[in-house]
Structure formats: structure tokens, C-alpha cells
Amino acid sequence: MTLCLFDLDNTLLAGDSDYEWGQFLVDRGVLAREGDEIFLYDNVELVREPDAQRPAARMTTSFLHIIRDRSIMRTDREVKFVEGRRSLSGRGMEYNNDSRELVLHSDVQARFDPEKQ
């Protein structure tokens, strides 16, 4: 089963990922084609710091391929997104920053815990 979300309405991946993901944590990385393609391996973690409107967000995977000139991030591995009390995970992902389209290819799971009152 493929899950495709269009323009996430700032639900899980708010803002422009070129600017919003404030920090990359990774064990190993490779630049190819003069930096137009980036390959990140082992313990890849992208973190967006919290601000007044949103909690911190975190994406984790074991491999991430970034194609800068096409604004695409992809992996064939397990990937997990966590923002506040929400999480989304699956195996295989492609995210297009220009169209704001996120596709998870299989084993998709989501969890949205309501705020406690």
C-alpha cells in the first residue's frame, strides 16, 4: 500500500524544509555531483527546533538521498516522523519540497494522540 499526502498543511512537516529542518545529525555522508546529490548513512536524524507555533519535529532513518536541484529527499529504508504527540512511519519514502508531497511506500503507521485536557 502506498500513502500519498499532498501539501501537508503544516500538519507534520510544517514550513519549507530547506530552512525549517535546523539540524542534520548523521554518522556518515557523501557529496556527489559537486554537492547536488547528498547521501546520508547510519543514524540519519533531521531536527526542527520548536517555535511559538509548533513543537520540535524529528525525522529518523538509516539512509537518506537528497537531490538538491529537484528538491527531493528519498529513502528505501524505514523512516519515522515525530512532532509533538503525532508520529508517522513507513518503509520507503519520497518527499518533494516544491510540491510538498510526501509518499510512504509500505508498512505505513500513524499515531495522533489528542491533547489531554
PDB file of N, CA and C in Angstrom:
ATOM      1  N   MET A   1       0.838  -1.173   0.000  1.00  0.00           N
ATOM      2  CA  MET A   1       0.000   0.000   0.000  1.00  0.00           C
ATOM      3  C   MET A   1       0.883   1.237   0.000  1.00  0.00           C
ATOM      4  N   THR A   2       0.555   2.226  -0.802  1.00  0.00           N
ATOM      5  CA  THR A   2       1.275   3.491  -0.845  1.00  0.00           C
ATOM      6  C   THR A   2       0.405   4.565  -0.243  1.00  0.00           C
ATOM      7  N   LEU A   3       0.971   5.371   0.636  1.00  0.00           N
ATOM      8  CA  LEU A   3       0.266   6.510   1.225  1.00  0.00           C
ATOM      9  C   LEU A   3       0.848   7.758   0.601  1.00  0.00           C
ATOM     10  N   CYS A   4      -0.003   8.620   0.099  1.00  0.00           N
ATOM     11  CA  CYS A   4       0.452   9.849  -0.524  1.00  0.00           C
ATOM     12  C   CYS A   4      -0.280  11.012   0.121  1.00  0.00           C
ATOM     13  N   LEU A   5       0.453  11.965   0.663  1.00  0.00           N
ATOM     14  CA  LEU A   5      -0.130  13.144   1.283  1.00  0.00           C
ATOM     15  C   LEU A   5       0.304  14.362   0.480  1.00  0.00           C
ATOM     16  N   PHE A   6      -0.630  15.207   0.105  1.00  0.00           N
ATOM     17  CA  PHE A   6      -0.315  16.410  -0.657  1.00  0.00           C
ATOM     18  C   PHE A   6      -0.391  17.624   0.252  1.00  0.00           C
ATOM     19  N   ASP A   7       0.551  18.551   0.098  1.00  0.00           N
ATOM     20  CA  ASP A   7       0.590  19.794   0.849  1.00  0.00           C
ATOM     21  C   ASP A   7       0.105  19.583   2.277  1.00  0.00           C
ATOM     22  N   LEU A   8       0.976  19.247   3.109  1.00  0.00           N
ATOM     23  CA  LEU A   8       0.661  18.757   4.438  1.00  0.00           C
ATOM     24  C   LEU A   8       0.021  19.778   5.370  1.00  0.00           C
ATOM     25  N   ASP A   9      -0.294  20.967   4.860  1.00  0.00           N
ATOM     26  CA  ASP A   9      -0.999  21.985   5.651  1.00  0.00           C
ATOM     27  C   ASP A   9      -0.340  22.231   7.001  1.00  0.00           C
ATOM     28  N   ASN A  10       0.973  22.126   7.020  1.00  0.00           N
ATOM     29  CA  ASN A  10       1.729  22.354   8.251  1.00  0.00           C
ATOM     30  C   ASN A  10       1.321  21.409   9.376  1.00  0.00           C
ATOM     31  N   THR A  11       0.858  20.206   9.007  1.00  0.00           N
ATOM     32  CA  THR A  11       0.425  19.240   9.996  1.00  0.00           C
ATOM     33  C   THR A  11       1.602  18.471  10.582  1.00  0.00           C
ATOM     34  N   LEU A  12       2.447  17.918   9.720  1.00  0.00           N
ATOM     35  CA  LEU A  12       3.564  17.122  10.207  1.00  0.00           C
ATOM     36  C   LEU A  12       4.909  17.707   9.782  1.00  0.00           C
ATOM     37  N   LEU A  13       4.992  18.218   8.582  1.00  0.00           N
ATOM     38  CA  LEU A  13       6.217  18.826   8.074  1.00  0.00           C
ATOM     39  C   LEU A  13       5.938  20.279   7.756  1.00  0.00           C
ATOM     40  N   ALA A  14       5.847  21.073   8.753  1.00  0.00           N
ATOM     41  CA  ALA A  14       5.475  22.474   8.562  1.00  0.00           C
ATOM     42  C   ALA A  14       6.628  23.266   7.975  1.00  0.00           C
ATOM     43  N   GLY A  15       6.300  24.237   7.150  1.00  0.00           N
ATOM     44  CA  GLY A  15       7.289  25.159   6.613  1.00  0.00           C
ATOM     45  C   GLY A  15       8.110  24.569   5.488  1.00  0.00           C
ATOM     46  N   ASP A  16       9.083  25.321   5.041  1.00  0.00           N
ATOM     47  CA  ASP A  16       9.966  24.953   3.948  1.00  0.00           C
ATOM     48  C   ASP A  16      11.126  24.152   4.512  1.00  0.00           C
ATOM     49  N   SER A  17      11.237  22.888   4.131  1.00  0.00           N
ATOM     50  CA  SER A  17      12.239  22.028   4.758  1.00  0.00           C
ATOM     51  C   SER A  17      13.667  22.499   4.506  1.00  0.00           C
ATOM     52  N   ASP A  18      13.909  23.257   3.416  1.00  0.00           N
ATOM     53  CA  ASP A  18      15.253  23.796   3.201  1.00  0.00           C
ATOM     54  C   ASP A  18      15.673  24.695   4.364  1.00  0.00           C
ATOM     55  N   TYR A  19      14.709  25.364   4.994  1.00  0.00           N
ATOM     56  CA  TYR A  19      15.017  26.294   6.070  1.00  0.00           C
ATOM     57  C   TYR A  19      14.605  25.766   7.442  1.00  0.00           C
ATOM     58  N   GLU A  20      13.523  25.000   7.501  1.00  0.00           N
ATOM     59  CA  GLU A  20      12.940  24.606   8.779  1.00  0.00           C
ATOM     60  C   GLU A  20      13.707  23.508   9.498  1.00  0.00           C
ATOM     61  N   TRP A  21      14.250  22.540   8.764  1.00  0.00           N
ATOM     62  CA  TRP A  21      14.992  21.471   9.431  1.00  0.00           C
ATOM     63  C   TRP A  21      16.320  22.064   9.856  1.00  0.00           C
ATOM     64  N   GLY A  22      16.420  22.421  11.109  1.00  0.00           N
ATOM     65  CA  GLY A  22      17.540  23.204  11.593  1.00  0.00           C
ATOM     66  C   GLY A  22      18.825  22.443  11.795  1.00  0.00           C
ATOM     67  N   GLN A  23      18.774  21.126  11.821  1.00  0.00           N
ATOM     68  CA  GLN A  23      19.961  20.393  12.227  1.00  0.00           C
ATOM     69  C   GLN A  23      19.938  19.017  11.572  1.00  0.00           C
ATOM     70  N   PHE A  24      21.084  18.590  11.028  1.00  0.00           N
ATOM     71  CA  PHE A  24      21.239  17.246  10.488  1.00  0.00           C
ATOM     72  C   PHE A  24      22.220  16.505  11.387  1.00  0.00           C
ATOM     73  N   LEU A  25      21.845  15.341  11.843  1.00  0.00           N
ATOM     74  CA  LEU A  25      22.733  14.500  12.627  1.00  0.00           C
ATOM     75  C   LEU A  25      22.890  13.192  11.862  1.00  0.00           C
ATOM     76  N   VAL A  26      24.118  12.771  11.594  1.00  0.00           N
ATOM     77  CA  VAL A  26      24.345  11.599  10.758  1.00  0.00           C
ATOM     78  C   VAL A  26      25.726  11.033  11.060  1.00  0.00           C
ATOM     79  N   ASP A  27      25.874   9.713  10.916  1.00  0.00           N
ATOM     80  CA  ASP A  27      27.174   9.093  11.145  1.00  0.00           C
ATOM     81  C   ASP A  27      28.103   9.214   9.940  1.00  0.00           C
ATOM     82  N   ARG A  28      27.534   9.179   8.711  1.00  0.00           N
ATOM     83  CA  ARG A  28      28.382   9.184   7.521  1.00  0.00           C
ATOM     84  C   ARG A  28      27.627   9.841   6.377  1.00  0.00           C
ATOM     85  N   GLY A  29      28.295  10.658   5.588  1.00  0.00           N
ATOM     86  CA  GLY A  29      27.663  11.313   4.457  1.00  0.00           C
ATOM     87  C   GLY A  29      28.605  11.417   3.283  1.00  0.00           C
ATOM     88  N   VAL A  30      28.021  11.470   2.071  1.00  0.00           N
ATOM     89  CA  VAL A  30      28.799  11.576   0.846  1.00  0.00           C
ATOM     90  C   VAL A  30      28.153  12.640  -0.030  1.00  0.00           C
ATOM     91  N   LEU A  31      28.979  13.542  -0.567  1.00  0.00           N
ATOM     92  CA  LEU A  31      28.508  14.510  -1.549  1.00  0.00           C
ATOM     93  C   LEU A  31      28.885  14.005  -2.929  1.00  0.00           C
ATOM     94  N   ALA A  32      27.948  14.089  -3.877  1.00  0.00           N
ATOM     95  CA  ALA A  32      28.208  13.678  -5.249  1.00  0.00           C
ATOM     96  C   ALA A  32      27.802  14.807  -6.183  1.00  0.00           C
ATOM     97  N   ARG A  33      28.333  14.791  -7.382  1.00  0.00           N
ATOM     98  CA  ARG A  33      27.979  15.784  -8.405  1.00  0.00           C
ATOM     99  C   ARG A  33      28.100  17.204  -7.864  1.00  0.00           C
ATOM    100  N   GLU A  34      29.238  17.522  -7.312  1.00  0.00           N
ATOM    101  CA  GLU A  34      29.514  18.861  -6.780  1.00  0.00           C
ATOM    102  C   GLU A  34      28.504  19.309  -5.728  1.00  0.00           C
ATOM    103  N   GLY A  35      28.016  18.382  -4.951  1.00  0.00           N
ATOM    104  CA  GLY A  35      27.097  18.704  -3.863  1.00  0.00           C
ATOM    105  C   GLY A  35      25.636  18.736  -4.258  1.00  0.00           C
ATOM    106  N   ASP A  36      25.325  18.456  -5.534  1.00  0.00           N
ATOM    107  CA  ASP A  36      23.924  18.434  -5.967  1.00  0.00           C
ATOM    108  C   ASP A  36      23.180  17.229  -5.415  1.00  0.00           C
ATOM    109  N   GLU A  37      23.899  16.154  -5.117  1.00  0.00           N
ATOM    110  CA  GLU A  37      23.305  14.974  -4.501  1.00  0.00           C
ATOM    111  C   GLU A  37      24.053  14.699  -3.203  1.00  0.00           C
ATOM    112  N   ILE A  38      23.290  14.401  -2.160  1.00  0.00           N
ATOM    113  CA  ILE A  38      23.853  14.126  -0.853  1.00  0.00           C
ATOM    114  C   ILE A  38      23.329  12.768  -0.401  1.00  0.00           C
ATOM    115  N   PHE A  39      24.211  11.907   0.063  1.00  0.00           N
ATOM    116  CA  PHE A  39      23.854  10.582   0.564  1.00  0.00           C
ATOM    117  C   PHE A  39      24.234  10.529   2.041  1.00  0.00           C
ATOM    118  N   LEU A  40      23.252  10.337   2.905  1.00  0.00           N
ATOM    119  CA  LEU A  40      23.484  10.267   4.346  1.00  0.00           C
ATOM    120  C   LEU A  40      23.219   8.842   4.812  1.00  0.00           C
ATOM    121  N   TYR A  41      24.130   8.292   5.620  1.00  0.00           N
ATOM    122  CA  TYR A  41      24.053   6.906   6.050  1.00  0.00           C
ATOM    123  C   TYR A  41      24.123   6.802   7.569  1.00  0.00           C
ATOM    124  N   ASP A  42      23.429   5.836   8.119  1.00  0.00           N
ATOM    125  CA  ASP A  42      23.558   5.422   9.512  1.00  0.00           C
ATOM    126  C   ASP A  42      23.143   6.519  10.493  1.00  0.00           C
ATOM    127  N   ASN A  43      22.077   6.266  11.183  1.00  0.00           N
ATOM    128  CA  ASN A  43      21.588   7.180  12.227  1.00  0.00           C
ATOM    129  C   ASN A  43      21.308   8.587  11.704  1.00  0.00           C
ATOM    130  N   VAL A  44      20.617   8.665  10.572  1.00  0.00           N
ATOM    131  CA  VAL A  44      20.260   9.958   9.999  1.00  0.00           C
ATOM    132  C   VAL A  44      19.110  10.541  10.816  1.00  0.00           C
ATOM    133  N   GLU A  45      19.285  11.773  11.248  1.00  0.00           N
ATOM    134  CA  GLU A  45      18.285  12.423  12.080  1.00  0.00           C
ATOM    135  C   GLU A  45      18.197  13.888  11.659  1.00  0.00           C
ATOM    136  N   LEU A  46      17.020  14.319  11.223  1.00  0.00           N
ATOM    137  CA  LEU A  46      16.780  15.718  10.889  1.00  0.00           C
ATOM    138  C   LEU A  46      15.895  16.286  11.980  1.00  0.00           C
ATOM    139  N   VAL A  47      16.275  17.431  12.516  1.00  0.00           N
ATOM    140  CA  VAL A  47      15.577  18.009  13.658  1.00  0.00           C
ATOM    141  C   VAL A  47      15.145  19.432  13.322  1.00  0.00           C
ATOM    142  N   ARG A  48      13.899  19.737  13.611  1.00  0.00           N
ATOM    143  CA  ARG A  48      13.409  21.111  13.535  1.00  0.00           C
ATOM    144  C   ARG A  48      13.164  21.577  14.958  1.00  0.00           C
ATOM    145  N   GLU A  49      13.775  22.654  15.342  1.00  0.00           N
ATOM    146  CA  GLU A  49      13.622  23.177  16.692  1.00  0.00           C
ATOM    147  C   GLU A  49      12.204  23.707  16.893  1.00  0.00           C
ATOM    148  N   PRO A  50      11.688  23.685  18.120  1.00  0.00           N
ATOM    149  CA  PRO A  50      10.343  24.210  18.372  1.00  0.00           C
ATOM    150  C   PRO A  50      10.331  25.731  18.228  1.00  0.00           C
ATOM    151  N   ASP A  51       9.158  26.257  17.927  1.00  0.00           N
ATOM    152  CA  ASP A  51       8.978  27.708  17.928  1.00  0.00           C
ATOM    153  C   ASP A  51       7.648  28.024  18.609  1.00  0.00           C
ATOM    154  N   ALA A  52       7.204  29.242  18.542  1.00  0.00           N
ATOM    155  CA  ALA A  52       5.990  29.654  19.255  1.00  0.00           C
ATOM    156  C   ALA A  52       4.735  28.940  18.743  1.00  0.00           C
ATOM    157  N   GLN A  53       4.725  28.527  17.475  1.00  0.00           N
ATOM    158  CA  GLN A  53       3.546  27.882  16.897  1.00  0.00           C
ATOM    159  C   GLN A  53       3.617  26.351  16.867  1.00  0.00           C
ATOM    160  N   ARG A  54       4.830  25.785  16.904  1.00  0.00           N
ATOM    161  CA  ARG A  54       4.962  24.338  16.687  1.00  0.00           C
ATOM    162  C   ARG A  54       5.950  23.707  17.659  1.00  0.00           C
ATOM    163  N   PRO A  55       5.688  22.436  18.006  1.00  0.00           N
ATOM    164  CA  PRO A  55       6.667  21.711  18.825  1.00  0.00           C
ATOM    165  C   PRO A  55       7.848  21.262  17.960  1.00  0.00           C
ATOM    166  N   ALA A  56       8.880  20.750  18.599  1.00  0.00           N
ATOM    167  CA  ALA A  56      10.026  20.207  17.868  1.00  0.00           C
ATOM    168  C   ALA A  56       9.548  19.059  16.970  1.00  0.00           C
ATOM    169  N   ALA A  57      10.250  18.850  15.873  1.00  0.00           N
ATOM    170  CA  ALA A  57       9.943  17.752  14.953  1.00  0.00           C
ATOM    171  C   ALA A  57      11.238  17.010  14.647  1.00  0.00           C
ATOM    172  N   ARG A  58      11.107  15.715  14.384  1.00  0.00           N
ATOM    173  CA  ARG A  58      12.278  14.879  14.162  1.00  0.00           C
ATOM    174  C   ARG A  58      11.954  13.826  13.110  1.00  0.00           C
ATOM    175  N   MET A  59      12.854  13.662  12.132  1.00  0.00           N
ATOM    176  CA  MET A  59      12.753  12.579  11.160  1.00  0.00           C
ATOM    177  C   MET A  59      13.977  11.702  11.327  1.00  0.00           C
ATOM    178  N   THR A  60      13.781  10.382  11.420  1.00  0.00           N
ATOM    179  CA  THR A  60      14.904   9.462  11.571  1.00  0.00           C
ATOM    180  C   THR A  60      14.813   8.363  10.524  1.00  0.00           C
ATOM    181  N   THR A  61      15.969   7.923  10.038  1.00  0.00           N
ATOM    182  CA  THR A  61      16.082   6.827   9.086  1.00  0.00           C
ATOM    183  C   THR A  61      17.540   6.367   9.091  1.00  0.00           C
ATOM    184  N   SER A  62      17.836   5.290   8.392  1.00  0.00           N
ATOM    185  CA  SER A  62      19.224   4.824   8.316  1.00  0.00           C
ATOM    186  C   SER A  62      19.893   5.218   7.010  1.00  0.00           C
ATOM    187  N   PHE A  63      19.127   5.796   6.068  1.00  0.00           N
ATOM    188  CA  PHE A  63      19.697   6.246   4.788  1.00  0.00           C
ATOM    189  C   PHE A  63      18.807   7.330   4.213  1.00  0.00           C
ATOM    190  N   LEU A  64      19.411   8.375   3.682  1.00  0.00           N
ATOM    191  CA  LEU A  64      18.647   9.444   3.042  1.00  0.00           C
ATOM    192  C   LEU A  64      19.424   9.960   1.845  1.00  0.00           C
ATOM    193  N   HIS A  65      18.750  10.026   0.703  1.00  0.00           N
ATOM    194  CA  HIS A  65      19.321  10.548  -0.538  1.00  0.00           C
ATOM    195  C   HIS A  65      18.640  11.878  -0.815  1.00  0.00           C
ATOM    196  N   ILE A  66      19.404  12.953  -0.884  1.00  0.00           N
ATOM    197  CA  ILE A  66      18.871  14.295  -1.139  1.00  0.00           C
ATOM    198  C   ILE A  66      19.340  14.742  -2.509  1.00  0.00           C
ATOM    199  N   ILE A  67      18.382  15.119  -3.360  1.00  0.00           N
ATOM    200  CA  ILE A  67      18.691  15.641  -4.689  1.00  0.00           C
ATOM    201  C   ILE A  67      18.317  17.117  -4.656  1.00  0.00           C
ATOM    202  N   ARG A  68      19.305  17.953  -4.449  1.00  0.00           N
ATOM    203  CA  ARG A  68      19.063  19.367  -4.167  1.00  0.00           C
ATOM    204  C   ARG A  68      18.390  20.111  -5.311  1.00  0.00           C
ATOM    205  N   ASP A  69      18.829  19.925  -6.556  1.00  0.00           N
ATOM    206  CA  ASP A  69      18.264  20.704  -7.653  1.00  0.00           C
ATOM    207  C   ASP A  69      16.834  20.314  -7.993  1.00  0.00           C
ATOM    208  N   ARG A  70      16.388  19.154  -7.532  1.00  0.00           N
ATOM    209  CA  ARG A  70      14.996  18.733  -7.728  1.00  0.00           C
ATOM    210  C   ARG A  70      14.184  18.846  -6.440  1.00  0.00           C
ATOM    211  N   SER A  71      14.793  19.290  -5.347  1.00  0.00           N
ATOM    212  CA  SER A  71      14.137  19.451  -4.039  1.00  0.00           C
ATOM    213  C   SER A  71      13.494  18.160  -3.564  1.00  0.00           C
ATOM    214  N   ILE A  72      14.219  17.048  -3.723  1.00  0.00           N
ATOM    215  CA  ILE A  72      13.684  15.731  -3.361  1.00  0.00           C
ATOM    216  C   ILE A  72      14.574  15.078  -2.308  1.00  0.00           C
ATOM    217  N   MET A  73      13.916  14.450  -1.316  1.00  0.00           N
ATOM    218  CA  MET A  73      14.582  13.580  -0.349  1.00  0.00           C
ATOM    219  C   MET A  73      13.930  12.213  -0.488  1.00  0.00           C
ATOM    220  N   ARG A  74      14.733  11.141  -0.475  1.00  0.00           N
ATOM    221  CA  ARG A  74      14.150   9.802  -0.591  1.00  0.00           C
ATOM    222  C   ARG A  74      14.975   8.782   0.178  1.00  0.00           C
ATOM    223  N   THR A  75      14.284   7.713   0.548  1.00  0.00           N
ATOM    224  CA  THR A  75      14.943   6.566   1.179  1.00  0.00           C
ATOM    225  C   THR A  75      14.149   5.313   0.845  1.00  0.00           C
ATOM    226  N   ASP A  76      14.836   4.177   0.816  1.00  0.00           N
ATOM    227  CA  ASP A  76      14.153   2.891   0.665  1.00  0.00           C
ATOM    228  C   ASP A  76      14.073   2.165   2.009  1.00  0.00           C
ATOM    229  N   ARG A  77      14.516   2.829   3.054  1.00  0.00           N
ATOM    230  CA  ARG A  77      14.553   2.240   4.396  1.00  0.00           C
ATOM    231  C   ARG A  77      13.379   2.711   5.231  1.00  0.00           C
ATOM    232  N   GLU A  78      13.316   2.192   6.449  1.00  0.00           N
ATOM    233  CA  GLU A  78      12.292   2.637   7.393  1.00  0.00           C
ATOM    234  C   GLU A  78      12.547   4.097   7.747  1.00  0.00           C
ATOM    235  N   VAL A  79      11.475   4.860   7.849  1.00  0.00           N
ATOM    236  CA  VAL A  79      11.573   6.278   8.196  1.00  0.00           C
ATOM    237  C   VAL A  79      10.486   6.599   9.212  1.00  0.00           C
ATOM    238  N   LYS A  80      10.806   7.485  10.145  1.00  0.00           N
ATOM    239  CA  LYS A  80       9.832   7.864  11.169  1.00  0.00           C
ATOM    240  C   LYS A  80       9.853   9.370  11.363  1.00  0.00           C
ATOM    241  N   PHE A  81       8.654   9.964  11.413  1.00  0.00           N
ATOM    242  CA  PHE A  81       8.480  11.388  11.687  1.00  0.00           C
ATOM    243  C   PHE A  81       7.773  11.514  13.032  1.00  0.00           C
ATOM    244  N   VAL A  82       8.262  12.395  13.885  1.00  0.00           N
ATOM    245  CA  VAL A  82       7.620  12.652  15.173  1.00  0.00           C
ATOM    246  C   VAL A  82       7.535  14.163  15.364  1.00  0.00           C
ATOM    247  N   GLU A  83       6.344  14.633  15.678  1.00  0.00           N
ATOM    248  CA  GLU A  83       6.145  16.040  16.007  1.00  0.00           C
ATOM    249  C   GLU A  83       5.158  16.102  17.151  1.00  0.00           C
ATOM    250  N   GLY A  84       5.645  16.520  18.304  1.00  0.00           N
ATOM    251  CA  GLY A  84       4.777  16.586  19.468  1.00  0.00           C
ATOM    252  C   GLY A  84       4.169  15.226  19.770  1.00  0.00           C
ATOM    253  N   ARG A  85       2.846  15.151  19.786  1.00  0.00           N
ATOM    254  CA  ARG A  85       2.128  13.919  20.128  1.00  0.00           C
ATOM    255  C   ARG A  85       1.721  13.123  18.885  1.00  0.00           C
ATOM    256  N   ARG A  86       2.312  13.464  17.721  1.00  0.00           N
ATOM    257  CA  ARG A  86       1.977  12.791  16.467  1.00  0.00           C
ATOM    258  C   ARG A  86       3.194  12.071  15.915  1.00  0.00           C
ATOM    259  N   SER A  87       2.945  10.931  15.271  1.00  0.00           N
ATOM    260  CA  SER A  87       4.040  10.228  14.603  1.00  0.00           C
ATOM    261  C   SER A  87       3.520   9.555  13.337  1.00  0.00           C
ATOM    262  N   LEU A  88       4.420   9.387  12.381  1.00  0.00           N
ATOM    263  CA  LEU A  88       4.119   8.757  11.103  1.00  0.00           C
ATOM    264  C   LEU A  88       5.347   7.956  10.719  1.00  0.00           C
ATOM    265  N   SER A  89       5.156   6.698  10.319  1.00  0.00           N
ATOM    266  CA  SER A  89       6.295   5.876   9.927  1.00  0.00           C
ATOM    267  C   SER A  89       5.922   4.997   8.748  1.00  0.00           C
ATOM    268  N   GLY A  90       6.942   4.512   8.061  1.00  0.00           N
ATOM    269  CA  GLY A  90       6.739   3.612   6.930  1.00  0.00           C
ATOM    270  C   GLY A  90       8.083   3.180   6.383  1.00  0.00           C
ATOM    271  N   ARG A  91       8.024   2.343   5.364  1.00  0.00           N
ATOM    272  CA  ARG A  91       9.238   1.879   4.692  1.00  0.00           C
ATOM    273  C   ARG A  91       9.222   2.430   3.278  1.00  0.00           C
ATOM    274  N   GLY A  92      10.309   3.132   2.943  1.00  0.00           N
ATOM    275  CA  GLY A  92      10.394   3.772   1.640  1.00  0.00           C
ATOM    276  C   GLY A  92       9.659   5.100   1.651  1.00  0.00           C
ATOM    277  N   MET A  93      10.336   6.178   1.272  1.00  0.00           N
ATOM    278  CA  MET A  93       9.735   7.497   1.329  1.00  0.00           C
ATOM    279  C   MET A  93      10.320   8.357   0.223  1.00  0.00           C
ATOM    280  N   GLU A  94       9.479   9.231  -0.316  1.00  0.00           N
ATOM    281  CA  GLU A  94       9.958  10.304  -1.174  1.00  0.00           C
ATOM    282  C   GLU A  94       9.216  11.575  -0.783  1.00  0.00           C
ATOM    283  N   TYR A  95       9.974  12.659  -0.582  1.00  0.00           N
ATOM    284  CA  TYR A  95       9.387  13.943  -0.234  1.00  0.00           C
ATOM    285  C   TYR A  95       9.862  14.971  -1.246  1.00  0.00           C
ATOM    286  N   ASN A  96       8.903  15.657  -1.883  1.00  0.00           N
ATOM    287  CA  ASN A  96       9.205  16.723  -2.823  1.00  0.00           C
ATOM    288  C   ASN A  96       8.902  18.044  -2.138  1.00  0.00           C
ATOM    289  N   ASN A  97       9.931  18.805  -1.868  1.00  0.00           N
ATOM    290  CA  ASN A  97       9.754  20.056  -1.148  1.00  0.00           C
ATOM    291  C   ASN A  97       9.022  21.105  -1.980  1.00  0.00           C
ATOM    292  N   ASP A  98       9.164  21.080  -3.306  1.00  0.00           N
ATOM    293  CA  ASP A  98       8.474  22.058  -4.153  1.00  0.00           C
ATOM    294  C   ASP A  98       6.966  21.836  -4.155  1.00  0.00           C
ATOM    295  N   SER A  99       6.531  20.584  -4.323  1.00  0.00           N
ATOM    296  CA  SER A  99       5.095  20.279  -4.365  1.00  0.00           C
ATOM    297  C   SER A  99       4.528  19.981  -2.983  1.00  0.00           C
ATOM    298  N   ARG A 100       5.414  19.819  -1.973  1.00  0.00           N
ATOM    299  CA  ARG A 100       5.029  19.483  -0.596  1.00  0.00           C
ATOM    300  C   ARG A 100       4.327  18.121  -0.552  1.00  0.00           C
ATOM    301  N   GLU A 101       4.738  17.215  -1.409  1.00  0.00           N
ATOM    302  CA  GLU A 101       4.162  15.879  -1.491  1.00  0.00           C
ATOM    303  C   GLU A 101       5.072  14.882  -0.781  1.00  0.00           C
ATOM    304  N   LEU A 102       4.491  14.124   0.152  1.00  0.00           N
ATOM    305  CA  LEU A 102       5.197  13.082   0.877  1.00  0.00           C
ATOM    306  C   LEU A 102       4.550  11.752   0.524  1.00  0.00           C
ATOM    307  N   VAL A 103       5.357  10.787   0.089  1.00  0.00           N
ATOM    308  CA  VAL A 103       4.866   9.449  -0.243  1.00  0.00           C
ATOM    309  C   VAL A 103       5.605   8.447   0.633  1.00  0.00           C
ATOM    310  N   LEU A 104       4.859   7.627   1.373  1.00  0.00           N
ATOM    311  CA  LEU A 104       5.415   6.488   2.092  1.00  0.00           C
ATOM    312  C   LEU A 104       4.960   5.244   1.342  1.00  0.00           C
ATOM    313  N   HIS A 105       5.885   4.329   1.041  1.00  0.00           N
ATOM    314  CA  HIS A 105       5.597   3.228   0.131  1.00  0.00           C
ATOM    315  C   HIS A 105       4.977   1.989   0.771  1.00  0.00           C
ATOM    316  N   SER A 106       5.315   1.648   1.999  1.00  0.00           N
ATOM    317  CA  SER A 106       4.746   0.441   2.609  1.00  0.00           C
ATOM    318  C   SER A 106       4.855   0.504   4.130  1.00  0.00           C
ATOM    319  N   ASP A 107       4.181  -0.434   4.784  1.00  0.00           N
ATOM    320  CA  ASP A 107       4.210  -0.571   6.250  1.00  0.00           C
ATOM    321  C   ASP A 107       3.910   0.756   6.953  1.00  0.00           C
ATOM    322  N   VAL A 108       2.933   1.479   6.446  1.00  0.00           N
ATOM    323  CA  VAL A 108       2.618   2.816   6.953  1.00  0.00           C
ATOM    324  C   VAL A 108       1.834   2.720   8.260  1.00  0.00           C
ATOM    325  N   GLN A 109       2.260   3.494   9.248  1.00  0.00           N
ATOM    326  CA  GLN A 109       1.565   3.588  10.529  1.00  0.00           C
ATOM    327  C   GLN A 109       1.552   5.044  10.966  1.00  0.00           C
ATOM    328  N   ALA A 110       0.442   5.465  11.536  1.00  0.00           N
ATOM    329  CA  ALA A 110       0.327   6.837  12.038  1.00  0.00           C
ATOM    330  C   ALA A 110      -0.280   6.799  13.429  1.00  0.00           C
ATOM    331  N   ARG A 111       0.098   7.775  14.240  1.00  0.00           N
ATOM    332  CA  ARG A 111      -0.459   7.891  15.589  1.00  0.00           C
ATOM    333  C   ARG A 111      -0.649   9.372  15.886  1.00  0.00           C
ATOM    334  N   PHE A 112      -1.872   9.720  16.268  1.00  0.00           N
ATOM    335  CA  PHE A 112      -2.206  11.094  16.606  1.00  0.00           C
ATOM    336  C   PHE A 112      -2.877  11.061  17.965  1.00  0.00           C
ATOM    337  N   ASP A 113      -2.152  11.418  19.002  1.00  0.00           N
ATOM    338  CA  ASP A 113      -2.695  11.429  20.356  1.00  0.00           C
ATOM    339  C   ASP A 113      -3.313  12.791  20.624  1.00  0.00           C
ATOM    340  N   PRO A 114      -4.570  12.816  21.054  1.00  0.00           N
ATOM    341  CA  PRO A 114      -5.209  14.114  21.353  1.00  0.00           C
ATOM    342  C   PRO A 114      -4.556  14.767  22.571  1.00  0.00           C
ATOM    343  N   GLU A 115      -4.657  16.072  22.613  1.00  0.00           N
ATOM    344  CA  GLU A 115      -4.166  16.814  23.769  1.00  0.00           C
ATOM    345  C   GLU A 115      -4.988  16.448  24.990  1.00  0.00           C
ATOM    346  N   LYS A 116      -4.344  16.261  26.111  1.00  0.00           N
ATOM    347  CA  LYS A 116      -5.057  15.950  27.362  1.00  0.00           C
ATOM    348  C   LYS A 116      -5.623  17.240  27.937  1.00  0.00           C
ATOM    349  N   GLN A 117      -6.851  17.161  28.400  1.00  0.00           N
ATOM    350  CA  GLN A 117      -7.497  18.364  28.950  1.00  0.00           C
ATOM    351  C   GLN A 117      -7.601  18.311  30.433  1.00  0.00           C
TER     352      GLN A 117
END
